[in-house]
Each structure stands twice: as structure tokens, then as C-alpha cells.
N, C-alpha and C. Protein backbone atom coordinates (compact mmCIF):
# COMPACT_ATOMS: atom_id res chain seq x y z
N MET A 1 -22.65 -0.72 6.66
CA MET A 1 -21.29 -0.32 6.97
C MET A 1 -20.41 -1.56 6.92
N GLU A 2 -19.22 -1.41 6.41
CA GLU A 2 -18.27 -2.51 6.37
C GLU A 2 -17.73 -2.77 7.78
N LEU A 3 -17.42 -4.03 8.04
CA LEU A 3 -16.92 -4.40 9.36
C LEU A 3 -15.67 -3.61 9.72
N SER A 4 -14.72 -3.49 8.79
CA SER A 4 -13.48 -2.78 9.12
C SER A 4 -13.76 -1.33 9.49
N LYS A 5 -14.74 -0.70 8.85
CA LYS A 5 -15.09 0.69 9.19
C LYS A 5 -15.74 0.75 10.58
N ALA A 6 -16.61 -0.20 10.87
CA ALA A 6 -17.24 -0.23 12.20
C ALA A 6 -16.18 -0.40 13.29
N ILE A 7 -15.21 -1.27 13.06
CA ILE A 7 -14.13 -1.49 14.03
C ILE A 7 -13.32 -0.21 14.22
N GLN A 8 -12.95 0.43 13.12
CA GLN A 8 -12.11 1.62 13.19
C GLN A 8 -12.86 2.84 13.73
N ASN A 9 -14.16 2.95 13.47
CA ASN A 9 -14.93 4.11 13.91
C ASN A 9 -15.44 3.99 15.34
N ARG A 10 -15.55 2.79 15.86
CA ARG A 10 -16.11 2.58 17.19
C ARG A 10 -15.25 3.28 18.25
N ARG A 11 -15.92 3.97 19.15
CA ARG A 11 -15.23 4.61 20.25
C ARG A 11 -16.20 4.74 21.42
N SER A 12 -15.66 5.00 22.59
CA SER A 12 -16.49 5.17 23.78
C SER A 12 -17.07 6.58 23.78
N VAL A 13 -18.38 6.66 23.92
CA VAL A 13 -19.09 7.94 23.91
C VAL A 13 -19.70 8.16 25.28
N ARG A 14 -19.49 9.36 25.80
CA ARG A 14 -19.99 9.70 27.14
C ARG A 14 -20.92 10.91 27.14
N LYS A 15 -21.26 11.40 25.95
CA LYS A 15 -22.18 12.53 25.85
C LYS A 15 -23.26 12.18 24.84
N PHE A 16 -24.48 12.06 25.35
CA PHE A 16 -25.59 11.62 24.52
C PHE A 16 -26.56 12.76 24.25
N SER A 17 -27.15 12.74 23.06
CA SER A 17 -28.17 13.73 22.71
C SER A 17 -29.49 13.32 23.37
N PRO A 18 -30.44 14.25 23.46
CA PRO A 18 -31.74 13.91 24.06
C PRO A 18 -32.62 13.05 23.14
N LYS A 19 -32.22 12.86 21.90
CA LYS A 19 -33.01 12.06 20.95
C LYS A 19 -32.99 10.59 21.37
N LYS A 20 -34.17 9.99 21.43
CA LYS A 20 -34.28 8.59 21.85
C LYS A 20 -34.18 7.66 20.63
N PRO A 21 -33.28 6.67 20.69
CA PRO A 21 -33.17 5.71 19.59
C PRO A 21 -34.40 4.80 19.51
N ASP A 22 -34.58 4.18 18.36
CA ASP A 22 -35.62 3.19 18.18
C ASP A 22 -35.15 1.90 18.87
N TRP A 23 -35.91 1.45 19.85
CA TRP A 23 -35.52 0.27 20.61
C TRP A 23 -35.37 -0.97 19.74
N ARG A 24 -36.08 -1.01 18.61
CA ARG A 24 -35.99 -2.18 17.72
C ARG A 24 -34.59 -2.30 17.12
N ASN A 25 -33.92 -1.17 16.89
CA ASN A 25 -32.54 -1.22 16.40
C ASN A 25 -31.61 -1.82 17.45
N ILE A 26 -31.86 -1.47 18.70
CA ILE A 26 -31.04 -2.03 19.78
C ILE A 26 -31.27 -3.53 19.89
N ILE A 27 -32.50 -3.98 19.70
CA ILE A 27 -32.80 -5.42 19.73
C ILE A 27 -32.01 -6.13 18.63
N GLU A 28 -31.92 -5.52 17.45
CA GLU A 28 -31.12 -6.13 16.37
C GLU A 28 -29.65 -6.21 16.76
N CYS A 29 -29.16 -5.20 17.46
CA CYS A 29 -27.77 -5.24 17.93
C CYS A 29 -27.57 -6.36 18.93
N ILE A 30 -28.52 -6.53 19.83
CA ILE A 30 -28.45 -7.63 20.79
C ILE A 30 -28.50 -8.96 20.05
N ASP A 31 -29.32 -9.04 19.02
CA ASP A 31 -29.41 -10.28 18.23
C ASP A 31 -28.06 -10.67 17.65
N SER A 32 -27.23 -9.71 17.29
CA SER A 32 -25.92 -10.02 16.71
C SER A 32 -25.03 -10.75 17.71
N SER A 33 -25.30 -10.59 19.00
CA SER A 33 -24.48 -11.26 20.00
C SER A 33 -24.64 -12.78 19.95
N ARG A 34 -25.76 -13.24 19.44
CA ARG A 34 -26.02 -14.70 19.38
C ARG A 34 -25.06 -15.43 18.44
N TYR A 35 -24.36 -14.69 17.60
CA TYR A 35 -23.47 -15.29 16.62
C TYR A 35 -22.02 -15.33 17.09
N ALA A 36 -21.78 -14.93 18.32
CA ALA A 36 -20.42 -15.00 18.89
C ALA A 36 -20.08 -16.45 19.19
N PRO A 37 -18.79 -16.79 19.19
CA PRO A 37 -18.40 -18.16 19.52
C PRO A 37 -18.74 -18.48 20.98
N MET A 38 -19.23 -19.71 21.19
CA MET A 38 -19.63 -20.15 22.52
C MET A 38 -19.02 -21.53 22.80
N ALA A 39 -18.41 -21.67 23.95
CA ALA A 39 -17.82 -22.95 24.35
C ALA A 39 -18.89 -24.02 24.43
N GLY A 40 -18.70 -25.12 23.73
CA GLY A 40 -19.66 -26.21 23.75
C GLY A 40 -21.03 -25.81 23.24
N ASN A 41 -21.09 -24.73 22.51
CA ASN A 41 -22.34 -24.19 21.97
C ASN A 41 -23.35 -23.86 23.08
N ASN A 42 -22.84 -23.55 24.27
CA ASN A 42 -23.66 -23.14 25.41
C ASN A 42 -23.70 -21.62 25.46
N TYR A 43 -24.83 -21.05 25.14
CA TYR A 43 -24.95 -19.60 25.17
C TYR A 43 -25.29 -19.17 26.58
N THR A 44 -24.34 -18.51 27.25
CA THR A 44 -24.51 -18.14 28.65
C THR A 44 -24.85 -16.67 28.86
N VAL A 45 -24.85 -15.88 27.79
CA VAL A 45 -25.00 -14.42 27.90
C VAL A 45 -26.47 -14.03 27.88
N LYS A 46 -26.82 -13.07 28.73
CA LYS A 46 -28.18 -12.52 28.81
C LYS A 46 -28.07 -11.00 28.76
N PHE A 47 -29.05 -10.35 28.15
CA PHE A 47 -29.11 -8.89 28.08
C PHE A 47 -30.37 -8.42 28.79
N ILE A 48 -30.24 -7.35 29.55
CA ILE A 48 -31.39 -6.66 30.12
C ILE A 48 -31.38 -5.26 29.53
N LEU A 49 -32.40 -4.93 28.75
CA LEU A 49 -32.50 -3.60 28.13
C LEU A 49 -33.40 -2.73 29.01
N VAL A 50 -32.84 -1.64 29.49
CA VAL A 50 -33.52 -0.77 30.45
C VAL A 50 -33.80 0.57 29.79
N ASP A 51 -35.07 1.03 29.87
CA ASP A 51 -35.41 2.38 29.41
C ASP A 51 -36.09 3.19 30.51
N ASP A 52 -36.30 2.60 31.66
CA ASP A 52 -36.90 3.29 32.80
C ASP A 52 -35.87 4.28 33.36
N GLU A 53 -36.21 5.58 33.33
CA GLU A 53 -35.27 6.63 33.74
C GLU A 53 -34.79 6.46 35.17
N ASP A 54 -35.67 6.07 36.07
CA ASP A 54 -35.28 5.89 37.46
C ASP A 54 -34.26 4.76 37.60
N LYS A 55 -34.52 3.65 36.91
CA LYS A 55 -33.57 2.53 36.95
C LYS A 55 -32.23 2.93 36.33
N ILE A 56 -32.26 3.69 35.25
CA ILE A 56 -31.02 4.15 34.61
C ILE A 56 -30.22 5.02 35.58
N LYS A 57 -30.89 5.88 36.32
CA LYS A 57 -30.20 6.72 37.31
C LYS A 57 -29.56 5.86 38.39
N LYS A 58 -30.26 4.82 38.83
CA LYS A 58 -29.70 3.93 39.86
C LYS A 58 -28.52 3.13 39.32
N ILE A 59 -28.60 2.70 38.06
CA ILE A 59 -27.47 2.00 37.44
C ILE A 59 -26.29 2.95 37.33
N SER A 60 -26.55 4.20 36.95
CA SER A 60 -25.51 5.22 36.86
C SER A 60 -24.83 5.38 38.21
N GLY A 61 -25.62 5.41 39.29
CA GLY A 61 -25.07 5.51 40.63
C GLY A 61 -24.22 4.30 41.00
N ALA A 62 -24.67 3.11 40.61
CA ALA A 62 -23.92 1.89 40.89
C ALA A 62 -22.59 1.86 40.14
N CYS A 63 -22.56 2.54 39.01
CA CYS A 63 -21.33 2.62 38.22
C CYS A 63 -20.48 3.82 38.63
N GLN A 64 -21.07 4.73 39.41
CA GLN A 64 -20.42 5.97 39.82
C GLN A 64 -19.91 6.76 38.62
N GLN A 65 -20.77 6.77 37.56
CA GLN A 65 -20.45 7.50 36.34
C GLN A 65 -21.72 8.22 35.88
N GLN A 66 -21.76 9.51 36.12
CA GLN A 66 -22.95 10.34 35.91
C GLN A 66 -23.44 10.32 34.47
N PHE A 67 -22.56 10.23 33.50
CA PHE A 67 -22.97 10.31 32.09
C PHE A 67 -23.97 9.23 31.70
N ILE A 68 -23.96 8.11 32.41
CA ILE A 68 -24.87 7.02 32.10
C ILE A 68 -26.32 7.47 32.24
N SER A 69 -26.59 8.34 33.18
CA SER A 69 -27.97 8.78 33.41
C SER A 69 -28.51 9.62 32.26
N ASP A 70 -27.66 10.09 31.35
CA ASP A 70 -28.10 10.84 30.18
C ASP A 70 -28.53 9.95 29.02
N ALA A 71 -28.21 8.66 29.10
CA ALA A 71 -28.56 7.73 28.03
C ALA A 71 -30.05 7.41 28.07
N LYS A 72 -30.63 7.16 26.91
CA LYS A 72 -32.05 6.80 26.82
C LYS A 72 -32.29 5.32 27.09
N PHE A 73 -31.27 4.51 26.86
CA PHE A 73 -31.33 3.08 27.12
C PHE A 73 -30.02 2.66 27.78
N VAL A 74 -30.10 1.61 28.57
CA VAL A 74 -28.92 0.97 29.12
C VAL A 74 -29.10 -0.53 28.92
N ALA A 75 -28.08 -1.15 28.36
CA ALA A 75 -28.06 -2.61 28.25
C ALA A 75 -27.12 -3.14 29.33
N VAL A 76 -27.64 -4.00 30.17
CA VAL A 76 -26.83 -4.66 31.18
C VAL A 76 -26.62 -6.08 30.70
N VAL A 77 -25.36 -6.45 30.56
CA VAL A 77 -25.03 -7.77 30.03
C VAL A 77 -24.61 -8.67 31.19
N CYS A 78 -25.22 -9.84 31.23
CA CYS A 78 -24.97 -10.81 32.30
C CYS A 78 -24.56 -12.15 31.69
N SER A 79 -24.01 -13.00 32.52
CA SER A 79 -23.78 -14.37 32.08
C SER A 79 -24.07 -15.31 33.23
N LYS A 80 -24.59 -16.45 32.86
CA LYS A 80 -24.89 -17.50 33.83
C LYS A 80 -24.00 -18.68 33.47
N PRO A 81 -22.84 -18.79 34.13
CA PRO A 81 -21.83 -19.75 33.70
C PRO A 81 -22.05 -21.20 34.13
N ALA A 82 -23.13 -21.51 34.82
CA ALA A 82 -23.31 -22.85 35.40
C ALA A 82 -23.15 -23.98 34.38
N ARG A 83 -23.81 -23.86 33.23
CA ARG A 83 -23.72 -24.95 32.24
C ARG A 83 -22.30 -25.09 31.70
N THR A 84 -21.64 -23.97 31.51
CA THR A 84 -20.27 -24.01 31.00
C THR A 84 -19.31 -24.58 32.04
N THR A 85 -19.49 -24.21 33.30
CA THR A 85 -18.62 -24.76 34.34
C THR A 85 -18.93 -26.23 34.59
N ASN A 86 -20.17 -26.65 34.40
CA ASN A 86 -20.49 -28.08 34.52
C ASN A 86 -19.76 -28.89 33.45
N LEU A 87 -19.67 -28.34 32.26
CA LEU A 87 -18.99 -29.04 31.15
C LEU A 87 -17.47 -28.99 31.25
N TYR A 88 -16.94 -27.81 31.61
CA TYR A 88 -15.49 -27.60 31.53
C TYR A 88 -14.83 -27.37 32.88
N GLU A 89 -15.56 -27.58 33.96
CA GLU A 89 -15.06 -27.43 35.32
C GLU A 89 -14.43 -26.06 35.53
N GLU A 90 -13.19 -26.02 36.08
CA GLU A 90 -12.60 -24.72 36.43
C GLU A 90 -12.36 -23.83 35.22
N LYS A 91 -12.13 -24.39 34.06
CA LYS A 91 -11.94 -23.59 32.84
C LYS A 91 -13.26 -22.97 32.37
N GLY A 92 -14.38 -23.53 32.79
CA GLY A 92 -15.69 -23.04 32.37
C GLY A 92 -15.94 -21.59 32.71
N GLU A 93 -15.45 -21.15 33.87
CA GLU A 93 -15.61 -19.74 34.27
C GLU A 93 -14.86 -18.83 33.30
N ILE A 94 -13.67 -19.23 32.92
CA ILE A 94 -12.89 -18.46 31.95
C ILE A 94 -13.60 -18.43 30.61
N TYR A 95 -14.07 -19.59 30.16
CA TYR A 95 -14.77 -19.66 28.87
C TYR A 95 -16.03 -18.79 28.86
N ALA A 96 -16.76 -18.80 29.98
CA ALA A 96 -17.98 -17.99 30.07
C ALA A 96 -17.63 -16.51 29.94
N ARG A 97 -16.55 -16.07 30.55
CA ARG A 97 -16.13 -14.67 30.45
C ARG A 97 -15.66 -14.35 29.03
N GLN A 98 -14.94 -15.28 28.42
CA GLN A 98 -14.48 -15.06 27.04
C GLN A 98 -15.66 -14.93 26.09
N GLN A 99 -16.64 -15.82 26.22
CA GLN A 99 -17.76 -15.76 25.30
C GLN A 99 -18.62 -14.53 25.57
N ALA A 100 -18.70 -14.07 26.81
CA ALA A 100 -19.41 -12.83 27.09
C ALA A 100 -18.70 -11.66 26.39
N GLY A 101 -17.37 -11.65 26.43
CA GLY A 101 -16.61 -10.60 25.74
C GLY A 101 -16.85 -10.63 24.25
N ALA A 102 -16.87 -11.82 23.66
CA ALA A 102 -17.12 -11.93 22.22
C ALA A 102 -18.53 -11.45 21.87
N ALA A 103 -19.51 -11.82 22.67
CA ALA A 103 -20.89 -11.40 22.42
C ALA A 103 -21.02 -9.88 22.55
N MET A 104 -20.36 -9.31 23.56
CA MET A 104 -20.42 -7.86 23.75
C MET A 104 -19.73 -7.11 22.61
N GLU A 105 -18.67 -7.66 22.09
CA GLU A 105 -18.00 -7.02 20.95
C GLU A 105 -18.91 -7.03 19.72
N ASN A 106 -19.57 -8.14 19.46
CA ASN A 106 -20.55 -8.17 18.36
C ASN A 106 -21.60 -7.08 18.57
N PHE A 107 -22.07 -6.98 19.80
CA PHE A 107 -23.11 -6.01 20.15
C PHE A 107 -22.64 -4.58 19.89
N ILE A 108 -21.45 -4.21 20.37
CA ILE A 108 -21.03 -2.81 20.21
C ILE A 108 -20.67 -2.48 18.76
N LEU A 109 -20.22 -3.46 18.01
CA LEU A 109 -19.97 -3.20 16.58
C LEU A 109 -21.30 -2.99 15.85
N SER A 110 -22.32 -3.71 16.24
CA SER A 110 -23.65 -3.49 15.66
C SER A 110 -24.21 -2.13 16.06
N ILE A 111 -23.95 -1.71 17.30
CA ILE A 111 -24.36 -0.38 17.75
C ILE A 111 -23.76 0.67 16.81
N GLU A 112 -22.50 0.52 16.49
CA GLU A 112 -21.81 1.45 15.57
C GLU A 112 -22.46 1.41 14.20
N GLU A 113 -22.76 0.22 13.72
CA GLU A 113 -23.36 0.07 12.40
C GLU A 113 -24.72 0.79 12.30
N PHE A 114 -25.47 0.81 13.39
CA PHE A 114 -26.78 1.46 13.40
C PHE A 114 -26.68 2.97 13.65
N GLY A 115 -25.46 3.49 13.78
CA GLY A 115 -25.30 4.93 14.01
C GLY A 115 -25.58 5.35 15.43
N LEU A 116 -25.59 4.38 16.34
CA LEU A 116 -25.80 4.66 17.75
C LEU A 116 -24.45 4.77 18.45
N ALA A 117 -24.49 5.13 19.72
CA ALA A 117 -23.25 5.29 20.47
C ALA A 117 -23.38 4.60 21.82
N THR A 118 -22.25 4.17 22.35
CA THR A 118 -22.22 3.53 23.66
C THR A 118 -20.84 3.66 24.26
N CYS A 119 -20.72 3.19 25.48
CA CYS A 119 -19.45 3.12 26.19
C CYS A 119 -19.47 1.83 27.00
N TRP A 120 -18.44 1.03 26.86
CA TRP A 120 -18.35 -0.23 27.60
C TRP A 120 -17.95 0.12 29.03
N VAL A 121 -18.84 -0.08 29.99
CA VAL A 121 -18.58 0.25 31.39
C VAL A 121 -18.41 -1.05 32.16
N GLY A 122 -17.22 -1.24 32.71
CA GLY A 122 -16.93 -2.46 33.44
C GLY A 122 -16.74 -2.24 34.93
N SER A 123 -16.80 -1.00 35.37
CA SER A 123 -16.62 -0.68 36.78
C SER A 123 -17.98 -0.34 37.39
N PHE A 124 -18.41 -1.16 38.33
CA PHE A 124 -19.72 -0.96 38.95
C PHE A 124 -19.80 -1.78 40.23
N ILE A 125 -20.77 -1.43 41.05
CA ILE A 125 -21.05 -2.21 42.26
C ILE A 125 -22.10 -3.24 41.86
N GLU A 126 -21.65 -4.45 41.65
CA GLU A 126 -22.50 -5.50 41.08
C GLU A 126 -23.75 -5.75 41.91
N GLU A 127 -23.63 -5.77 43.22
CA GLU A 127 -24.78 -6.07 44.07
C GLU A 127 -25.89 -5.04 43.91
N GLN A 128 -25.53 -3.77 43.70
CA GLN A 128 -26.55 -2.74 43.51
C GLN A 128 -27.31 -2.96 42.20
N ILE A 129 -26.59 -3.30 41.15
CA ILE A 129 -27.25 -3.56 39.87
C ILE A 129 -28.11 -4.81 39.96
N LYS A 130 -27.60 -5.85 40.60
CA LYS A 130 -28.37 -7.08 40.77
C LYS A 130 -29.66 -6.82 41.54
N ARG A 131 -29.56 -6.04 42.60
CA ARG A 131 -30.73 -5.72 43.42
C ARG A 131 -31.76 -4.93 42.60
N GLU A 132 -31.31 -3.92 41.87
CA GLU A 132 -32.21 -3.06 41.10
C GLU A 132 -32.92 -3.82 39.99
N LEU A 133 -32.21 -4.74 39.33
CA LEU A 133 -32.76 -5.44 38.17
C LEU A 133 -33.20 -6.86 38.51
N LYS A 134 -33.16 -7.22 39.80
CA LYS A 134 -33.60 -8.54 40.27
C LYS A 134 -32.85 -9.68 39.56
N ILE A 135 -31.55 -9.51 39.47
CA ILE A 135 -30.68 -10.51 38.84
C ILE A 135 -30.32 -11.56 39.89
N PRO A 136 -30.51 -12.85 39.59
CA PRO A 136 -30.21 -13.91 40.57
C PRO A 136 -28.73 -13.94 40.97
N ALA A 137 -28.48 -14.48 42.14
CA ALA A 137 -27.12 -14.54 42.70
C ALA A 137 -26.15 -15.33 41.82
N ASP A 138 -26.64 -16.35 41.11
CA ASP A 138 -25.75 -17.20 40.31
C ASP A 138 -25.48 -16.63 38.91
N VAL A 139 -25.86 -15.39 38.69
CA VAL A 139 -25.65 -14.72 37.40
C VAL A 139 -24.65 -13.58 37.61
N ASN A 140 -23.65 -13.50 36.74
CA ASN A 140 -22.64 -12.44 36.81
C ASN A 140 -23.05 -11.25 35.96
N VAL A 141 -22.87 -10.05 36.48
CA VAL A 141 -23.03 -8.85 35.66
C VAL A 141 -21.68 -8.62 35.01
N GLU A 142 -21.66 -8.63 33.68
CA GLU A 142 -20.42 -8.51 32.93
C GLU A 142 -20.07 -7.06 32.58
N ALA A 143 -21.07 -6.29 32.13
CA ALA A 143 -20.81 -4.92 31.72
C ALA A 143 -22.12 -4.16 31.59
N VAL A 144 -21.98 -2.84 31.54
CA VAL A 144 -23.12 -1.94 31.37
C VAL A 144 -22.83 -1.09 30.14
N PHE A 145 -23.86 -0.94 29.28
CA PHE A 145 -23.71 -0.17 28.05
C PHE A 145 -24.81 0.89 27.96
N PRO A 146 -24.49 2.16 28.28
CA PRO A 146 -25.47 3.22 28.01
C PRO A 146 -25.57 3.39 26.50
N ILE A 147 -26.78 3.60 25.99
CA ILE A 147 -26.97 3.67 24.53
C ILE A 147 -27.77 4.91 24.17
N GLY A 148 -27.33 5.59 23.15
CA GLY A 148 -28.04 6.76 22.65
C GLY A 148 -27.39 7.24 21.36
N TYR A 149 -27.69 8.47 21.02
CA TYR A 149 -27.02 9.13 19.90
C TYR A 149 -25.96 10.05 20.48
N GLU A 150 -24.84 10.11 19.81
CA GLU A 150 -23.76 10.98 20.26
C GLU A 150 -24.19 12.44 20.12
N SER A 151 -23.91 13.25 21.14
CA SER A 151 -24.34 14.65 21.09
C SER A 151 -23.33 15.55 20.40
N GLU A 152 -22.09 15.11 20.32
CA GLU A 152 -21.05 15.91 19.68
C GLU A 152 -20.69 15.31 18.33
N LYS A 153 -20.12 16.13 17.48
CA LYS A 153 -19.66 15.64 16.18
C LYS A 153 -18.54 14.63 16.42
N PRO A 154 -18.61 13.48 15.76
CA PRO A 154 -17.57 12.45 15.97
C PRO A 154 -16.18 12.97 15.60
N ARG A 155 -15.24 12.61 16.43
CA ARG A 155 -13.84 12.95 16.17
C ARG A 155 -13.24 11.90 15.25
N VAL A 156 -12.17 12.27 14.58
CA VAL A 156 -11.43 11.30 13.77
C VAL A 156 -10.73 10.36 14.74
N ARG A 157 -10.85 9.10 14.47
CA ARG A 157 -10.27 8.11 15.37
C ARG A 157 -8.99 7.55 14.77
N HIS A 158 -7.98 7.46 15.59
CA HIS A 158 -6.70 6.89 15.18
C HIS A 158 -6.44 5.64 16.01
N ALA A 159 -5.61 4.76 15.49
CA ALA A 159 -5.27 3.54 16.22
C ALA A 159 -4.72 3.92 17.59
N LYS A 160 -5.14 3.19 18.60
CA LYS A 160 -4.70 3.47 19.96
C LYS A 160 -3.24 3.08 20.18
N ILE A 161 -2.80 2.08 19.47
CA ILE A 161 -1.45 1.57 19.68
C ILE A 161 -0.91 1.04 18.35
N GLU A 162 0.36 1.16 18.18
CA GLU A 162 0.98 0.70 16.93
C GLU A 162 0.99 -0.83 16.89
N LEU A 163 0.74 -1.39 15.71
CA LEU A 163 0.67 -2.84 15.54
C LEU A 163 1.97 -3.53 15.96
N ASP A 164 3.10 -2.92 15.64
CA ASP A 164 4.38 -3.58 15.96
C ASP A 164 4.64 -3.66 17.48
N ARG A 165 3.82 -3.01 18.27
CA ARG A 165 3.96 -3.09 19.73
C ARG A 165 3.16 -4.24 20.32
N ILE A 166 2.27 -4.85 19.52
CA ILE A 166 1.42 -5.93 20.05
C ILE A 166 1.56 -7.25 19.30
N LEU A 167 2.33 -7.27 18.22
CA LEU A 167 2.44 -8.46 17.38
C LEU A 167 3.82 -9.09 17.50
N PHE A 168 3.83 -10.38 17.84
CA PHE A 168 5.06 -11.16 17.88
C PHE A 168 4.91 -12.37 16.97
N PHE A 169 6.04 -12.95 16.57
CA PHE A 169 6.04 -14.10 15.68
C PHE A 169 6.72 -15.29 16.33
N ASN A 170 6.00 -16.38 16.42
CA ASN A 170 6.48 -17.68 16.88
C ASN A 170 6.86 -17.75 18.35
N LYS A 171 7.16 -16.63 19.00
CA LYS A 171 7.41 -16.62 20.43
C LYS A 171 7.25 -15.19 20.95
N TYR A 172 6.96 -15.09 22.21
CA TYR A 172 6.75 -13.78 22.83
C TYR A 172 8.02 -12.93 22.69
N GLY A 173 7.84 -11.74 22.20
CA GLY A 173 8.94 -10.79 22.07
C GLY A 173 9.63 -10.80 20.72
N ASP A 174 9.39 -11.82 19.87
CA ASP A 174 10.05 -11.90 18.56
C ASP A 174 9.26 -11.05 17.57
N LYS A 175 9.87 -9.95 17.12
CA LYS A 175 9.16 -8.98 16.29
C LYS A 175 9.34 -9.20 14.79
N LYS A 176 10.08 -10.23 14.40
CA LYS A 176 10.30 -10.45 12.97
C LYS A 176 9.83 -11.83 12.56
N MET A 177 9.18 -11.87 11.41
CA MET A 177 8.79 -13.15 10.83
C MET A 177 10.03 -13.74 10.18
N GLN A 178 10.29 -14.99 10.46
CA GLN A 178 11.44 -15.66 9.87
C GLN A 178 11.05 -16.22 8.51
N HIS A 179 11.69 -15.72 7.47
CA HIS A 179 11.41 -16.20 6.12
C HIS A 179 12.48 -17.21 5.71
N PRO A 180 12.08 -18.30 5.07
CA PRO A 180 13.09 -19.25 4.58
C PRO A 180 13.96 -18.56 3.53
N ARG A 181 15.21 -18.92 3.49
CA ARG A 181 16.14 -18.28 2.54
C ARG A 181 15.75 -18.54 1.09
N ASN A 182 15.35 -19.76 0.82
CA ASN A 182 14.98 -20.09 -0.55
C ASN A 182 13.62 -20.79 -0.50
N THR A 183 12.56 -20.02 -0.72
CA THR A 183 11.20 -20.56 -0.62
C THR A 183 10.96 -21.68 -1.61
N SER A 184 11.40 -21.54 -2.85
CA SER A 184 11.14 -22.57 -3.85
C SER A 184 11.85 -23.87 -3.49
N GLU A 185 13.02 -23.80 -2.91
CA GLU A 185 13.75 -25.00 -2.50
C GLU A 185 12.96 -25.74 -1.42
N ARG A 186 12.38 -25.02 -0.47
CA ARG A 186 11.63 -25.64 0.60
C ARG A 186 10.32 -26.26 0.07
N LEU A 187 9.67 -25.65 -0.90
CA LEU A 187 8.41 -26.15 -1.42
C LEU A 187 8.56 -27.45 -2.19
N PHE A 188 9.69 -27.66 -2.84
CA PHE A 188 9.85 -28.82 -3.71
C PHE A 188 10.64 -29.96 -3.07
N LYS A 189 10.90 -29.92 -1.81
CA LYS A 189 11.62 -31.02 -1.14
C LYS A 189 10.69 -32.13 -0.80
């Protein structure tokens, strides 16, 4: 699948079929996260792939979102920012979160490419997930991704927002690109 198609087709799925995906495909999707940009080349992101039904139910409860319990797999994404904060001090925490976001985006685009479905879940009781998965205190839980096959026929996806509402030129709020009056005159000066 082309990247632009994966970006345009990707959507949050909350209804999964009972068919279980091949876990090896999910591992390949996780592998794609390693190619995300990382501050100082410090990879701080960790994935926990869960297929235990009881654990998935407990994660669903920690997220207070019942649909998660219907997924055959759940990926819990964590980051351990210590090395990044040691290098970049107070900015390190921001960089660790940014690189986790970049890694997760690579992951969900790969999920789309493999014909799988997921939903980026960012609302959860972190301590419950940490306790269930034995995640150390110095590790942040970044997001939860239930993974499966979509149970309903995919809907046509349209852009969520118009480009002209999010794009500015040279300063915040400037919606027009300033073109030189005479381009050839400027090039040959």
C-alpha cells in the first residue's frame, strides 16, 4: 500500500471481528516504529504485546472503554525517558513524548498497511495498567492500541479538517503565501 493511501484510509476502529490476526504481522508493525526520529538517537519507546484475554479485559477496564476487550491483541506503548532527560534536561521529557508519538504513528500506519485495525487510546488509569503488566514506576504508559480485524465494512474516509484552516505562511494566522512581484528579477540580482 502506498503511504498516502495508508494515511488517508487510517481511522479509529472500535468494532473487531472474532478472527485473530497473525501476531507476526503485528511484530512487523512494531518493527516499523524503530525508524521514527529519536532525539540524540536514544530510542525510549517500548511495546508490550498482550494476547491474554484476562489481561486485555483488565486493560479495557483501566481505559473504561469496553470495545478494547473485543480485540484479540492489545499493544501498550511505553517510554522510558531517563536517557533523553539526562541528555536534554527539562526538554528531554518533551522530546521523549514527541518521539513516542512518531513511533506510534509509524506503528498505526503499518497496522493499516497489513489490513488490520486499531484505535489510539490515550485515556486510561496508568497505575492500573502498570500494575497489571508489571511496568516499572520510571516508565510512562503512552497509549493503548487494541488490534484486530474490523468487523464492519470500512466507510469512505474524508479529511477531518480543511487544509486552509491549519496552514499559515511565515507567521501565525497569515493564510497567503507572499509571492515576489517579479520572480526573474529577484533570481538574477
